[in-house]
Every structure is written in structure tokens, then in C-alpha cells.
Amino acid sequence: MDDGEVAMLASFLKLDEKDFIEQHTRLRWDRRGLALNERTDGSCIFLNKNNCEVQSVKPQQCKDFPNRWVNELWGKVPMENIQAKYPMLFNCSGFKKFLGEQ
């Protein structure tokens, strides 16, 4: 996430940016920035049933999900590695549909 996305999400949630970062983000696996935290099952922290609680200000990582993720990983990374590293994909109805079509 970039600084603008952090600011928009923090404002939307009525938090200051420091509190938003502490409560809702983690350092990306490549240590090149922040990503949203996930629930223990790998799903998005802002997913409420099938609704995104931050839809109007969702960051690019959400806009790209799952299409960019699938396109970058499919056929290049073993499915077990994808599932271990990106469990949130397997909670996404779009990805489940994609798997069913394969």
C-alpha cells in the first residue's frame, strides 16, 4: 500500500494513520511496503460476509485480487506453495471459480 491509500483508509475508518498502520497492516513478505492484515483463515480483515467494508476506498492490492495474483503465480509456482503463502486466494469466490474451470 502506498501513503495515499493508507491516508484514505485511515480517514475512512476515522483513525489517524499511525493507529491504522498498527491495527490493520503488516510488513509485506518482501519488506518493500505494507499490506493489509488477514484473518487467521487468510481472508481479508475488511470482508464482512460477501461485502467489502472499505469498498469505496479499497487499495490497489484489493482491486487486483484475485486476477493479478493468479496471473503472476499460475503455472509458475506449485499449488501447495500458493496455498501456503497466499491462503486468502482459496477464500475468494473468483479464485474458486477459476480453479473449477481448470
C-alpha atoms as a PDB file:
ATOM      1  CA  MET A   1       0.000   0.000   0.000  1.00  0.00           C
ATOM      2  CA  ASP A   2       1.192   3.467  -0.713  1.00  0.00           C
ATOM      3  CA  ASP A   3       0.934   6.520   1.541  1.00  0.00           C
ATOM      4  CA  GLY A   4      -2.176   7.786  -0.238  1.00  0.00           C
ATOM      5  CA  GLU A   5      -4.011   4.520   0.304  1.00  0.00           C
ATOM      6  CA  VAL A   6      -3.053   4.491   3.981  1.00  0.00           C
ATOM      7  CA  ALA A   7      -4.343   8.049   4.359  1.00  0.00           C
ATOM      8  CA  MET A   8      -7.644   7.271   2.589  1.00  0.00           C
ATOM      9  CA  LEU A   9      -8.299   4.105   4.569  1.00  0.00           C
ATOM     10  CA  ALA A  10      -7.365   5.744   7.876  1.00  0.00           C
ATOM     11  CA  SER A  11      -9.642   8.693   7.174  1.00  0.00           C
ATOM     12  CA  PHE A  12     -12.487   6.407   6.078  1.00  0.00           C
ATOM     13  CA  LEU A  13     -12.159   4.420   9.324  1.00  0.00           C
ATOM     14  CA  LYS A  14     -11.797   7.613  11.372  1.00  0.00           C
ATOM     15  CA  LEU A  15      -8.331   6.651  12.606  1.00  0.00           C
ATOM     16  CA  ASP A  16      -5.084   8.532  12.495  1.00  0.00           C
ATOM     17  CA  GLU A  17      -2.579   6.981  10.102  1.00  0.00           C
ATOM     18  CA  LYS A  18      -0.309   5.624  12.849  1.00  0.00           C
ATOM     19  CA  ASP A  19      -3.208   3.789  14.502  1.00  0.00           C
ATOM     20  CA  PHE A  20      -4.418   2.443  11.169  1.00  0.00           C
ATOM     21  CA  ILE A  21      -0.953   1.095  10.362  1.00  0.00           C
ATOM     22  CA  GLU A  22      -0.582  -0.528  13.784  1.00  0.00           C
ATOM     23  CA  GLN A  23      -4.062  -2.088  13.769  1.00  0.00           C
ATOM     24  CA  HIS A  24      -4.596  -3.067  10.139  1.00  0.00           C
ATOM     25  CA  THR A  25      -1.280  -3.588   8.338  1.00  0.00           C
ATOM     26  CA  ARG A  26       1.834  -5.739   8.310  1.00  0.00           C
ATOM     27  CA  LEU A  27       5.158  -5.555   6.554  1.00  0.00           C
ATOM     28  CA  ARG A  28       4.984  -7.283   3.158  1.00  0.00           C
ATOM     29  CA  TRP A  29       6.871 -10.559   2.814  1.00  0.00           C
ATOM     30  CA  ASP A  30       9.441  -8.839   0.577  1.00  0.00           C
ATOM     31  CA  ARG A  31       9.769  -5.970   3.105  1.00  0.00           C
ATOM     32  CA  ARG A  32       9.025  -3.407   0.402  1.00  0.00           C
ATOM     33  CA  GLY A  33       5.972  -1.847   1.978  1.00  0.00           C
ATOM     34  CA  LEU A  34       2.794  -2.521   3.856  1.00  0.00           C
ATOM     35  CA  ALA A  35      -0.046  -4.934   3.158  1.00  0.00           C
ATOM     36  CA  LEU A  36      -3.368  -5.360   4.905  1.00  0.00           C
ATOM     37  CA  ASN A  37      -3.529  -7.847   7.743  1.00  0.00           C
ATOM     38  CA  GLU A  38      -5.504 -11.016   7.206  1.00  0.00           C
ATOM     39  CA  ARG A  39      -7.707 -13.041   9.496  1.00  0.00           C
ATOM     40  CA  THR A  40      -6.400 -16.363  10.775  1.00  0.00           C
ATOM     41  CA  ASP A  41      -8.185 -18.157   7.911  1.00  0.00           C
ATOM     42  CA  GLY A  42      -6.396 -15.937   5.376  1.00  0.00           C
ATOM     43  CA  SER A  43      -9.432 -13.855   4.459  1.00  0.00           C
ATOM     44  CA  CYS A  44      -9.394 -10.067   4.294  1.00  0.00           C
ATOM     45  CA  ILE A  45      -9.898  -8.190   7.558  1.00  0.00           C
ATOM     46  CA  PHE A  46     -12.381  -5.903   5.817  1.00  0.00           C
ATOM     47  CA  LEU A  47     -14.520  -8.667   4.318  1.00  0.00           C
ATOM     48  CA  ASN A  48     -17.898  -8.905   6.052  1.00  0.00           C
ATOM     49  CA  LYS A  49     -19.662 -11.954   4.582  1.00  0.00           C
ATOM     50  CA  ASN A  50     -19.522 -11.075   0.871  1.00  0.00           C
ATOM     51  CA  ASN A  51     -19.223  -7.319   1.368  1.00  0.00           C
ATOM     52  CA  CYS A  52     -16.106  -5.187   1.466  1.00  0.00           C
ATOM     53  CA  GLU A  53     -16.346  -2.746   4.360  1.00  0.00           C
ATOM     54  CA  VAL A  54     -13.939  -0.328   2.652  1.00  0.00           C
ATOM     55  CA  GLN A  55     -15.201  -0.726  -0.925  1.00  0.00           C
ATOM     56  CA  SER A  56     -15.213   2.989  -1.718  1.00  0.00           C
ATOM     57  CA  VAL A  57     -11.549   3.406  -0.692  1.00  0.00           C
ATOM     58  CA  LYS A  58     -10.105  -0.058  -1.205  1.00  0.00           C
ATOM     59  CA  PRO A  59      -6.377  -0.134  -2.028  1.00  0.00           C
ATOM     60  CA  GLN A  60      -4.821  -1.398  -5.255  1.00  0.00           C
ATOM     61  CA  GLN A  61      -3.934  -4.779  -3.711  1.00  0.00           C
ATOM     62  CA  CYS A  62      -7.681  -5.368  -3.341  1.00  0.00           C
ATOM     63  CA  LYS A  63      -8.557  -4.075  -6.785  1.00  0.00           C
ATOM     64  CA  ASP A  64      -6.023  -6.517  -8.269  1.00  0.00           C
ATOM     65  CA  PHE A  65      -7.351  -9.508  -6.321  1.00  0.00           C
ATOM     66  CA  PRO A  66      -7.555 -12.286  -7.486  1.00  0.00           C
ATOM     67  CA  ASN A  67      -6.776 -11.712 -11.181  1.00  0.00           C
ATOM     68  CA  ARG A  68      -3.273 -10.261 -10.871  1.00  0.00           C
ATOM     69  CA  TRP A  69      -2.348 -12.785  -8.213  1.00  0.00           C
ATOM     70  CA  VAL A  70      -3.484 -15.729 -10.303  1.00  0.00           C
ATOM     71  CA  ASN A  71      -1.819 -14.438 -13.480  1.00  0.00           C
ATOM     72  CA  GLU A  72       1.524 -13.918 -11.712  1.00  0.00           C
ATOM     73  CA  LEU A  73       1.529 -17.280  -9.942  1.00  0.00           C
ATOM     74  CA  TRP A  74      -0.352 -19.744 -12.148  1.00  0.00           C
ATOM     75  CA  GLY A  75       1.878 -22.344 -13.763  1.00  0.00           C
ATOM     76  CA  LYS A  76       4.987 -20.853 -12.170  1.00  0.00           C
ATOM     77  CA  VAL A  77       4.520 -21.842  -8.547  1.00  0.00           C
ATOM     78  CA  PRO A  78       3.339 -25.233  -7.216  1.00  0.00           C
ATOM     79  CA  MET A  79      -0.240 -25.125  -5.911  1.00  0.00           C
ATOM     80  CA  GLU A  80       0.921 -26.174  -2.423  1.00  0.00           C
ATOM     81  CA  ASN A  81       3.230 -23.141  -2.270  1.00  0.00           C
ATOM     82  CA  ILE A  82       0.462 -20.833  -3.447  1.00  0.00           C
ATOM     83  CA  GLN A  83      -1.884 -22.193  -0.801  1.00  0.00           C
ATOM     84  CA  ALA A  84       0.747 -21.871   1.956  1.00  0.00           C
ATOM     85  CA  LYS A  85       1.822 -18.344   1.042  1.00  0.00           C
ATOM     86  CA  TYR A  86      -1.495 -16.908  -0.177  1.00  0.00           C
ATOM     87  CA  PRO A  87      -4.308 -18.669   1.724  1.00  0.00           C
ATOM     88  CA  MET A  88      -6.620 -15.731   1.057  1.00  0.00           C
ATOM     89  CA  LEU A  89      -6.825 -16.811  -2.593  1.00  0.00           C
ATOM     90  CA  PHE A  90      -8.549 -20.008  -1.545  1.00  0.00           C
ATOM     91  CA  ASN A  91     -11.220 -17.995   0.300  1.00  0.00           C
ATOM     92  CA  CYS A  92     -12.022 -15.935  -2.792  1.00  0.00           C
ATOM     93  CA  SER A  93     -15.080 -16.974  -4.800  1.00  0.00           C
ATOM     94  CA  GLY A  94     -13.437 -15.720  -8.009  1.00  0.00           C
ATOM     95  CA  PHE A  95     -10.423 -17.947  -7.447  1.00  0.00           C
ATOM     96  CA  LYS A  96     -12.597 -20.940  -6.572  1.00  0.00           C
ATOM     97  CA  LYS A  97     -14.466 -20.391  -9.835  1.00  0.00           C
ATOM     98  CA  PHE A  98     -11.165 -20.159 -11.706  1.00  0.00           C
ATOM     99  CA  LEU A  99      -9.994 -23.454 -10.157  1.00  0.00           C
ATOM    100  CA  GLY A 100     -13.261 -25.113 -11.142  1.00  0.00           C
ATOM    101  CA  GLU A 101     -12.735 -24.090 -14.748  1.00  0.00           C
ATOM    102  CA  GLN A 102      -9.218 -25.578 -14.877  1.00  0.00           C
END
